N, C-alpha and C. Protein backbone atom coordinates (compact mmCIF):
# COMPACT_ATOMS: atom_id res chain seq x y z
N MET A 1 99.31 85.56 122.13
CA MET A 1 99.25 84.39 121.07
C MET A 1 98.87 83.12 121.37
N ASP A 2 97.92 82.50 120.43
CA ASP A 2 96.97 81.15 120.91
C ASP A 2 97.95 80.30 121.13
N SER A 3 97.07 79.04 121.44
CA SER A 3 98.04 77.85 121.79
C SER A 3 98.56 77.20 120.53
N LYS A 4 97.76 77.51 119.62
CA LYS A 4 98.25 76.66 118.14
C LYS A 4 99.56 77.48 117.84
N ASP A 5 99.93 79.21 118.25
CA ASP A 5 100.91 79.52 117.56
C ASP A 5 102.39 79.22 118.62
N LYS A 6 101.65 78.58 119.96
CA LYS A 6 103.00 78.47 121.09
C LYS A 6 103.29 76.96 120.30
N GLN A 7 102.63 76.18 119.63
CA GLN A 7 102.84 74.71 119.62
C GLN A 7 104.18 74.86 118.72
N LYS A 8 103.82 75.87 117.50
CA LYS A 8 104.85 75.74 116.57
C LYS A 8 105.68 76.72 116.53
N GLN A 9 106.20 77.48 117.42
CA GLN A 9 107.33 78.53 117.47
C GLN A 9 108.46 77.91 116.84
N GLN A 10 109.15 78.90 116.24
CA GLN A 10 110.34 78.42 115.24
C GLN A 10 111.16 79.64 115.68
N LEU A 11 112.49 78.81 115.88
CA LEU A 11 113.55 79.81 116.32
C LEU A 11 114.84 80.12 115.45
N ASP A 12 114.64 79.14 114.80
CA ASP A 12 116.11 79.25 113.37
C ASP A 12 115.28 79.27 112.30
N LYS A 13 116.23 79.70 111.23
CA LYS A 13 115.88 79.95 109.63
C LYS A 13 115.18 78.83 109.29
N ASN A 14 114.24 79.12 107.98
CA ASN A 14 113.51 78.15 107.65
C ASN A 14 114.33 77.23 106.87
N LYS A 15 114.14 76.00 107.03
CA LYS A 15 115.09 75.13 106.39
C LYS A 15 114.85 74.36 104.76
N THR A 16 113.47 74.93 104.35
CA THR A 16 113.28 74.22 103.22
C THR A 16 112.26 75.35 102.40
N PHE A 17 112.48 75.48 101.14
CA PHE A 17 111.56 76.51 100.64
C PHE A 17 109.65 76.59 100.89
N PHE A 18 109.31 75.31 101.03
CA PHE A 18 108.31 74.82 101.20
C PHE A 18 108.04 75.56 102.89
N GLN A 19 108.98 75.55 103.42
CA GLN A 19 108.82 76.36 104.90
C GLN A 19 108.27 77.44 104.60
N SER A 20 109.15 78.20 103.83
CA SER A 20 109.15 79.59 103.61
C SER A 20 107.57 79.85 103.26
N VAL A 21 107.36 79.09 101.89
CA VAL A 21 105.99 79.47 101.54
C VAL A 21 104.91 79.26 102.34
N GLY A 22 105.08 78.27 103.37
CA GLY A 22 104.08 77.98 104.64
C GLY A 22 103.87 79.39 105.14
N HIS A 23 105.06 79.98 105.83
CA HIS A 23 104.78 81.14 106.70
C HIS A 23 104.37 82.39 105.55
N ALA A 24 104.65 82.72 104.83
CA ALA A 24 103.98 83.36 103.68
C ALA A 24 102.75 82.97 103.35
N LEU A 25 102.06 82.11 103.13
CA LEU A 25 100.85 81.77 103.36
C LEU A 25 100.20 82.12 104.95
N ASP A 26 100.96 81.68 105.83
CA ASP A 26 100.04 82.11 107.12
C ASP A 26 100.05 83.58 106.96
N GLY A 27 101.08 84.45 106.82
CA GLY A 27 100.74 85.98 106.93
C GLY A 27 99.71 86.57 105.90
N ILE A 28 99.25 85.89 104.32
CA ILE A 28 98.26 86.11 103.84
C ILE A 28 97.06 85.94 104.48
N LYS A 29 97.08 84.57 105.34
CA LYS A 29 95.61 84.13 106.03
C LYS A 29 95.51 85.44 107.35
N ARG A 30 96.66 85.61 107.60
CA ARG A 30 96.28 86.85 108.67
C ARG A 30 95.65 88.27 108.11
N LEU A 31 96.51 88.17 107.13
CA LEU A 31 95.87 89.67 106.21
C LEU A 31 94.40 89.66 105.90
N LEU A 32 93.86 88.66 105.37
CA LEU A 32 92.63 88.19 105.40
C LEU A 32 91.53 88.03 106.42
N LEU A 33 92.15 87.64 107.40
CA LEU A 33 91.05 87.37 108.64
C LEU A 33 91.21 88.91 109.47
N GLU A 34 92.34 89.40 109.66
CA GLU A 34 92.35 90.69 110.18
C GLU A 34 92.35 91.98 110.07
N GLU A 35 92.55 92.21 108.79
CA GLU A 35 92.62 93.59 107.86
C GLU A 35 91.75 93.83 107.07
N ARG A 36 90.68 94.46 107.63
CA ARG A 36 89.44 95.22 106.71
C ARG A 36 89.99 95.67 105.58
N ASN A 37 90.79 96.59 105.52
CA ASN A 37 91.17 97.28 104.39
C ASN A 37 92.14 96.72 103.15
N PHE A 38 92.02 95.49 103.56
CA PHE A 38 93.21 94.47 102.86
C PHE A 38 91.95 93.95 101.97
N ARG A 39 90.71 93.40 102.94
CA ARG A 39 89.63 92.72 102.31
C ARG A 39 89.03 93.51 101.39
N ILE A 40 88.99 94.82 101.53
CA ILE A 40 88.06 95.79 101.04
C ILE A 40 89.14 96.05 99.37
N ASP A 41 90.16 95.84 99.51
CA ASP A 41 91.35 96.04 98.66
C ASP A 41 90.70 95.15 97.69
N LEU A 42 90.93 93.97 98.00
CA LEU A 42 90.60 92.52 97.21
C LEU A 42 89.43 92.84 96.48
N VAL A 43 88.03 92.94 97.19
CA VAL A 43 86.86 93.42 96.74
C VAL A 43 86.89 94.12 95.69
N VAL A 44 87.61 95.24 95.65
CA VAL A 44 87.29 96.62 94.56
C VAL A 44 88.45 95.50 93.13
N ALA A 45 89.56 95.17 93.71
CA ALA A 45 90.31 94.51 92.89
C ALA A 45 89.32 93.46 91.89
N ILE A 46 88.57 92.45 92.38
CA ILE A 46 87.57 91.57 91.67
C ILE A 46 86.80 92.17 90.69
N ILE A 47 85.93 93.48 91.59
CA ILE A 47 84.94 94.19 90.67
C ILE A 47 85.79 94.82 89.32
N VAL A 48 86.75 95.39 89.75
CA VAL A 48 87.77 95.97 88.50
C VAL A 48 88.34 94.98 87.38
N LEU A 49 88.46 93.82 87.78
CA LEU A 49 88.79 92.77 87.01
C LEU A 49 87.66 92.24 86.27
N THR A 50 86.65 92.05 86.58
CA THR A 50 85.46 91.75 85.96
C THR A 50 84.90 92.64 84.68
N PHE A 51 84.99 94.16 85.22
CA PHE A 51 84.83 95.24 84.48
C PHE A 51 85.85 94.99 83.11
N ALA A 52 87.36 94.81 83.49
CA ALA A 52 88.42 94.66 82.50
C ALA A 52 87.84 93.31 81.38
N ILE A 53 87.67 92.40 82.16
CA ILE A 53 87.33 91.09 81.32
C ILE A 53 86.20 91.42 80.34
N ILE A 54 84.94 92.00 80.80
CA ILE A 54 84.02 92.36 80.00
C ILE A 54 83.93 93.47 78.91
N MET A 55 85.10 94.46 79.52
CA MET A 55 85.57 95.10 78.48
C MET A 55 86.72 95.02 77.48
N ARG A 56 86.92 93.90 77.50
CA ARG A 56 88.32 93.46 76.75
C ARG A 56 89.17 94.34 76.54
N ILE A 57 89.87 94.50 77.69
CA ILE A 57 90.97 95.50 77.51
C ILE A 57 92.54 94.89 77.08
N SER A 58 93.21 95.91 76.60
CA SER A 58 94.40 95.22 76.19
C SER A 58 95.37 94.86 77.04
N ILE A 59 96.34 93.96 76.36
CA ILE A 59 97.74 93.24 77.36
C ILE A 59 98.16 94.75 78.23
N ASN A 60 98.79 95.72 77.55
CA ASN A 60 98.93 97.06 78.04
C ASN A 60 98.36 97.48 79.13
N GLU A 61 96.95 96.94 79.11
CA GLU A 61 96.24 97.83 80.10
C GLU A 61 96.09 96.94 81.44
N TRP A 62 96.37 95.51 80.90
CA TRP A 62 96.50 94.67 82.05
C TRP A 62 97.50 94.70 82.82
N LEU A 63 98.44 94.80 81.98
CA LEU A 63 99.58 95.49 82.82
C LEU A 63 99.65 96.46 83.83
N TRP A 64 99.13 97.70 83.69
CA TRP A 64 98.93 98.57 84.25
C TRP A 64 97.87 98.50 85.36
N LEU A 65 96.68 97.73 85.14
CA LEU A 65 95.98 97.11 86.38
C LEU A 65 96.64 96.09 87.21
N PHE A 66 97.09 95.42 86.52
CA PHE A 66 98.11 94.77 87.79
C PHE A 66 99.09 94.94 88.52
N ALA A 67 99.83 96.24 87.73
CA ALA A 67 100.89 97.11 88.70
C ALA A 67 99.94 98.30 89.81
N ALA A 68 99.02 98.70 89.75
CA ALA A 68 98.09 99.25 90.73
C ALA A 68 97.63 98.20 91.55
N PHE A 69 97.11 97.06 91.29
CA PHE A 69 96.56 96.40 92.08
C PHE A 69 97.56 96.07 93.50
N PHE A 70 99.34 95.99 92.77
CA PHE A 70 100.00 94.96 93.51
C PHE A 70 100.43 96.46 94.20
N SER A 71 100.43 97.23 93.73
CA SER A 71 100.76 98.67 94.51
C SER A 71 99.88 98.81 95.88
N VAL A 72 98.55 98.88 95.57
CA VAL A 72 98.37 98.80 96.97
C VAL A 72 98.07 97.92 97.65
N ILE A 73 98.01 96.67 97.14
CA ILE A 73 98.10 95.36 98.14
C ILE A 73 99.50 95.55 98.74
N GLY A 74 100.54 95.85 97.97
CA GLY A 74 101.78 95.61 98.50
C GLY A 74 101.84 96.85 99.77
N SER A 75 101.26 98.00 99.60
CA SER A 75 101.39 99.20 100.59
C SER A 75 100.44 98.78 101.80
N GLU A 76 99.25 98.17 101.34
CA GLU A 76 98.93 98.01 102.61
C GLU A 76 99.42 96.78 103.69
N VAL A 77 100.20 95.62 102.75
CA VAL A 77 101.14 95.05 103.54
C VAL A 77 102.13 95.37 104.45
N LEU A 78 102.34 96.64 103.85
CA LEU A 78 103.79 97.58 104.65
C LEU A 78 103.06 98.13 105.52
N ASN A 79 101.88 98.81 105.42
CA ASN A 79 101.40 99.59 106.29
C ASN A 79 100.97 98.82 107.58
N THR A 80 100.35 97.39 107.61
CA THR A 80 100.08 96.55 108.71
C THR A 80 101.52 96.13 109.38
N VAL A 81 102.65 95.77 108.72
CA VAL A 81 104.13 95.69 109.31
C VAL A 81 104.16 96.62 110.24
N VAL A 82 103.88 98.01 109.60
CA VAL A 82 104.24 99.11 110.01
C VAL A 82 103.71 99.17 111.63
N GLU A 83 102.64 99.08 111.58
CA GLU A 83 101.48 99.46 112.67
C GLU A 83 101.67 98.09 113.81
N ASN A 84 101.98 97.02 113.05
CA ASN A 84 102.09 96.07 114.39
C ASN A 84 103.67 96.15 115.07
N VAL A 85 104.53 96.49 114.43
CA VAL A 85 106.13 97.06 115.02
C VAL A 85 105.77 97.79 115.96
N VAL A 86 104.96 99.25 115.34
CA VAL A 86 105.24 100.11 116.13
C VAL A 86 104.15 99.90 117.35
N ASP A 87 103.19 99.00 117.23
CA ASP A 87 102.11 98.76 118.69
C ASP A 87 103.40 97.65 119.73
N LEU A 88 103.94 96.96 118.84
CA LEU A 88 104.97 95.79 119.30
C LEU A 88 105.79 96.71 120.38
N ILE A 89 106.32 97.86 119.84
CA ILE A 89 107.31 98.78 120.55
C ILE A 89 106.99 99.46 121.75
N VAL A 90 105.88 100.37 121.47
CA VAL A 90 104.79 101.22 121.85
C VAL A 90 103.71 100.92 123.14
N GLY A 91 103.41 99.93 122.69
CA GLY A 91 102.36 99.00 123.30
C GLY A 91 100.91 99.85 123.27
N HIS A 92 100.53 99.83 124.35
CA HIS A 92 99.42 101.18 124.53
C HIS A 92 99.58 102.87 125.06
N HIS A 93 100.83 102.95 124.81
CA HIS A 93 101.04 103.96 124.92
C HIS A 93 101.29 105.21 124.18
N PHE A 94 100.73 106.38 124.07
CA PHE A 94 100.66 107.61 122.89
C PHE A 94 102.07 107.67 122.96
N ASP A 95 102.98 107.87 121.45
CA ASP A 95 103.86 108.26 121.23
C ASP A 95 104.06 109.24 119.92
N SER A 96 104.59 110.49 119.81
CA SER A 96 104.54 111.37 118.44
C SER A 96 105.16 110.41 117.48
N LEU A 97 106.28 109.78 117.72
CA LEU A 97 107.10 109.42 116.91
C LEU A 97 106.41 107.95 116.26
N ALA A 98 105.69 107.45 117.03
CA ALA A 98 105.06 106.05 116.59
C ALA A 98 103.77 106.78 116.01
N LYS A 99 102.95 107.64 116.23
CA LYS A 99 101.90 108.43 115.41
C LYS A 99 102.56 108.51 114.06
N ARG A 100 103.23 109.36 113.77
CA ARG A 100 104.26 109.65 112.68
C ARG A 100 104.60 108.74 111.92
N ALA A 101 104.79 107.33 112.39
CA ALA A 101 105.32 106.07 111.50
C ALA A 101 103.93 105.81 110.88
N LYS A 102 103.32 105.76 111.59
CA LYS A 102 101.67 105.11 111.27
C LYS A 102 101.00 105.91 110.11
N ASP A 103 101.10 107.20 110.57
CA ASP A 103 100.58 108.13 109.75
C ASP A 103 101.28 108.19 108.49
N VAL A 104 102.68 108.17 108.20
CA VAL A 104 103.24 107.90 107.15
C VAL A 104 103.16 106.57 106.18
N ALA A 105 102.68 105.58 107.15
CA ALA A 105 102.60 104.09 106.27
C ALA A 105 101.16 104.20 105.61
N ALA A 106 100.33 104.97 106.25
CA ALA A 106 98.80 105.05 106.11
C ALA A 106 98.85 105.77 105.02
N GLY A 107 99.73 106.89 104.75
CA GLY A 107 99.66 107.97 103.75
C GLY A 107 100.63 107.38 102.32
N GLY A 108 101.42 106.47 102.72
CA GLY A 108 101.64 105.24 101.63
C GLY A 108 100.62 104.53 100.39
N VAL A 109 99.86 103.91 101.65
CA VAL A 109 98.76 103.43 101.10
C VAL A 109 97.82 104.30 100.43
N LEU A 110 97.69 105.20 100.83
CA LEU A 110 96.75 106.53 100.17
C LEU A 110 97.11 106.68 98.94
N LEU A 111 98.44 106.85 98.63
CA LEU A 111 99.27 107.40 97.57
C LEU A 111 98.98 106.26 96.52
N SER A 112 99.24 105.11 96.89
CA SER A 112 98.97 104.06 95.86
C SER A 112 97.69 103.74 95.58
N ALA A 113 96.71 104.13 96.24
CA ALA A 113 95.33 104.06 96.13
C ALA A 113 95.07 104.71 94.80
N LEU A 114 95.55 106.23 95.46
CA LEU A 114 95.52 107.30 94.20
C LEU A 114 96.06 107.11 92.91
N PHE A 115 97.28 106.49 93.01
CA PHE A 115 97.52 105.58 91.75
C PHE A 115 96.88 104.76 90.93
N ALA A 116 96.26 104.12 91.95
CA ALA A 116 95.03 103.11 91.30
C ALA A 116 94.05 103.58 90.67
N VAL A 117 93.34 104.62 91.45
CA VAL A 117 92.31 105.35 91.25
C VAL A 117 92.61 106.10 89.51
N ILE A 118 93.78 106.55 89.14
CA ILE A 118 94.02 107.11 88.16
C ILE A 118 94.36 105.95 86.77
N ILE A 119 95.10 105.41 87.18
CA ILE A 119 95.17 104.12 86.34
C ILE A 119 93.81 103.75 85.87
N GLY A 120 92.59 103.12 86.78
CA GLY A 120 91.43 102.65 86.28
C GLY A 120 90.95 104.04 85.58
N MET A 121 90.52 105.45 85.83
CA MET A 121 89.93 106.21 85.03
C MET A 121 90.79 106.05 84.02
N LEU A 122 92.15 106.38 83.57
CA LEU A 122 92.80 106.28 82.05
C LEU A 122 92.37 105.20 81.25
N ILE A 123 91.98 103.68 82.11
CA ILE A 123 91.46 102.78 81.02
C ILE A 123 89.95 102.79 81.19
N PHE A 124 89.45 103.00 81.95
CA PHE A 124 87.76 102.88 82.10
C PHE A 124 87.04 103.94 81.56
N VAL A 125 87.16 104.91 81.70
CA VAL A 125 86.59 106.40 81.46
C VAL A 125 86.43 106.74 80.09
N PRO A 126 87.31 106.34 79.10
CA PRO A 126 87.11 106.39 77.58
C PRO A 126 86.30 105.26 77.04
N ARG A 127 86.22 103.94 77.81
CA ARG A 127 85.23 103.06 77.30
C ARG A 127 84.10 103.40 77.76
N PHE A 128 83.54 103.72 79.05
CA PHE A 128 82.35 104.48 79.62
C PHE A 128 81.53 105.48 78.75
N ILE A 129 82.71 106.19 78.22
CA ILE A 129 82.38 107.38 77.22
C ILE A 129 81.82 106.90 75.99
N THR A 130 82.55 105.85 75.61
CA THR A 130 82.20 105.13 74.22
C THR A 130 81.18 104.76 74.14
N LEU A 131 80.53 103.84 75.49
CA LEU A 131 79.54 103.16 75.53
C LEU A 131 78.32 104.13 75.55
N LEU A 132 78.52 105.51 76.49
CA LEU A 132 77.47 106.09 76.29
C LEU A 132 76.89 106.99 75.11
N LYS A 133 77.89 106.98 74.08
CA LYS A 133 77.65 107.79 72.70
C LYS A 133 76.51 106.75 72.22
């Protein structure tokens, strides 16, 4: 824990909505700074969004794309939480249950990424085929 974290340790519940939002923004900042896969997910989402704008997809397709984006990002966040909590509990010692928890969390990310790929293919492959004809 760095000195900045020590200065603002909070021991009781958030007193205001804005205090809660501040903590949430701190969490997103940590994800951006510390989680490589989260940054990769965001870059891929931006690329896909660019294609979606260029190809003028329908409102229903936008809904599916955003469902896919937030599925991947949400599972990445939960995976990070699991990894951090497991590391907090077991430290630098190997534990088969800790490995299982981390593997299952990573599997959840993989499944949501597969969902996103399927959604992307259903939306974009027909458009690319039309462009090639």
